[in-house]
Protein backbone atom coordinates (compact mmCIF):
# COMPACT_ATOMS: atom_id res chain seq x y z
CA MET A 1 94.65 178.36 -5.50
CA LYS A 2 96.97 177.23 -8.30
CA ARG A 3 99.06 180.37 -7.85
CA PHE A 4 99.80 179.44 -4.21
CA ALA A 5 100.76 175.88 -5.13
CA ILE A 6 103.21 177.13 -7.74
CA LEU A 7 104.72 179.63 -5.30
CA ALA A 8 105.14 176.90 -2.71
CA LEU A 9 107.05 174.77 -5.20
CA ILE A 10 109.27 177.67 -6.19
CA ALA A 11 110.03 178.49 -2.55
CA SER A 12 110.83 174.87 -1.63
CA PRO A 13 114.52 173.96 -1.53
CA ALA A 14 115.76 171.46 -4.10
CA PHE A 15 117.24 168.33 -2.54
CA ALA A 16 118.51 166.73 -5.75
CA ASP A 17 122.10 166.55 -4.54
CA THR A 18 121.70 165.60 -0.90
CA PRO A 19 123.74 162.61 0.26
CA ALA A 20 122.14 159.21 0.72
CA VAL A 21 122.91 156.60 3.35
CA GLU A 22 123.65 153.35 1.52
CA SER A 23 124.17 151.30 4.70
CA ALA A 24 125.13 151.66 8.35
CA THR A 25 126.27 149.49 11.24
CA ALA A 26 126.43 149.92 15.00
CA GLN A 27 128.80 148.16 17.37
CA SER A 28 128.55 148.36 21.14
CA ASN A 29 131.76 149.11 23.00
CA GLY A 30 130.43 148.64 26.52
CA THR A 31 129.24 152.12 27.50
CA SER A 32 129.24 153.65 24.02
CA TRP A 33 128.75 152.77 20.36
CA THR A 34 130.74 153.01 17.13
CA ILE A 35 128.52 153.93 14.20
CA SER A 36 129.80 153.32 10.66
CA VAL A 37 127.94 154.91 7.76
CA THR A 38 128.35 154.40 4.02
CA LEU A 39 127.29 157.50 2.05
CA SER A 40 126.90 158.27 -1.61
CA HIS A 41 126.79 161.80 -3.00
CA PRO A 42 127.72 163.41 -6.31
CA ASP A 43 130.63 165.34 -4.76
CA THR A 44 132.03 167.84 -7.25
CA GLY A 45 134.91 169.19 -5.17
CA TRP A 46 135.48 171.63 -2.33
CA ASP A 47 132.39 173.70 -3.21
CA HIS A 48 129.88 170.82 -3.01
CA TYR A 49 130.36 167.64 -1.02
CA ALA A 50 128.80 165.49 1.72
CA ASP A 51 130.19 167.09 4.86
CA GLY A 52 128.74 165.00 7.68
CA TRP A 53 126.03 162.91 9.25
CA GLN A 54 124.03 162.92 12.46
CA VAL A 55 123.02 160.07 14.77
CA LEU A 56 119.52 160.85 16.04
CA ALA A 57 117.37 159.44 18.84
CA PRO A 58 113.76 158.58 17.90
CA ASP A 59 112.66 161.94 19.35
CA GLY A 60 115.07 163.83 17.03
CA ARG A 61 117.70 164.54 19.68
CA VAL A 62 121.23 164.56 18.23
CA LEU A 63 123.31 161.84 19.87
CA GLY A 64 126.38 162.30 17.68
CA PHE A 65 127.76 164.06 14.63
CA ARG A 66 130.52 162.95 12.25
CA LEU A 67 132.11 165.87 10.39
CA LEU A 68 133.57 165.09 6.98
CA VAL A 69 136.27 167.64 6.20
CA HIS A 70 136.98 167.01 2.52
CA PRO A 71 135.23 165.87 -0.67
CA HIS A 72 135.19 162.26 -1.84
CA VAL A 73 134.88 162.88 -5.58
CA ASN A 74 136.63 159.68 -6.67
CA GLU A 75 135.59 157.55 -3.69
CA GLN A 76 131.88 156.78 -4.00
CA PRO A 77 130.25 155.42 -1.99
CA PHE A 78 132.50 155.85 1.05
CA THR A 79 132.36 154.74 4.69
CA ARG A 80 133.34 156.67 7.81
CA SER A 81 132.86 155.87 11.49
CA LEU A 82 132.12 157.74 14.69
CA SER A 83 133.15 156.26 18.05
CA GLY A 84 132.02 157.14 21.55
CA VAL A 85 128.34 157.69 20.75
CA LYS A 86 126.30 157.49 23.97
CA ILE A 87 122.94 155.88 23.27
CA PRO A 88 120.49 155.46 26.16
CA ASP A 89 119.57 151.84 27.00
CA ASP A 90 115.89 152.36 26.14
CA ILE A 91 116.68 153.23 22.49
CA ASN A 92 116.66 150.27 20.09
CA THR A 93 116.86 152.17 16.78
CA VAL A 94 118.66 155.37 15.82
CA GLN A 95 118.23 157.47 12.70
CA ILE A 96 121.14 158.57 10.50
CA ARG A 97 120.69 161.90 8.68
CA PRO A 98 123.41 162.88 6.18
CA ARG A 99 124.40 166.46 5.44
CA CYS A 100 125.74 168.26 2.37
CA LEU A 101 127.82 171.44 2.32
CA VAL A 102 125.42 173.12 -0.14
CA ASP A 103 121.99 171.59 0.54
CA GLY A 104 122.26 171.06 4.28
CA LEU A 105 120.61 168.15 6.08
CA ALA A 106 118.95 165.57 3.87
CA PRO A 107 115.17 165.39 4.19
CA GLN A 108 115.29 161.62 4.70
CA THR A 109 116.83 159.54 7.48
CA TYR A 110 118.09 155.96 7.61
CA ALA A 111 116.82 153.70 10.39
CA LEU A 112 119.61 151.76 12.09
CA PRO A 113 118.46 149.03 14.52
CA LEU A 114 120.75 148.38 17.48
CA SER A 115 121.59 144.85 18.61
CA ARG A 116 121.65 144.89 22.39
């Protein structure tokens, strides 16, 4: 049994360098939303940096994605926004999931309540 537990740990991806959501805000623009997200990540340059974040419905459906096209080595934490996000009226909280160029999507999400 111990052998299987050790193999499972070895096979699991390491998420030590995934980006973290420090804070987020949502502003309604009538029929859509602008989501602003502050991320932190130990960007090292073009080979390893936070390269985006998703806006997710409670059921996991992707409502929006903000691509980050360059590293922010000397700008930590940093904030970027995404406009035009369509969020159905029956959703009161979205999840933000950051992504890293090397490690992919972070295992954790950030709950962002919407003020309607």
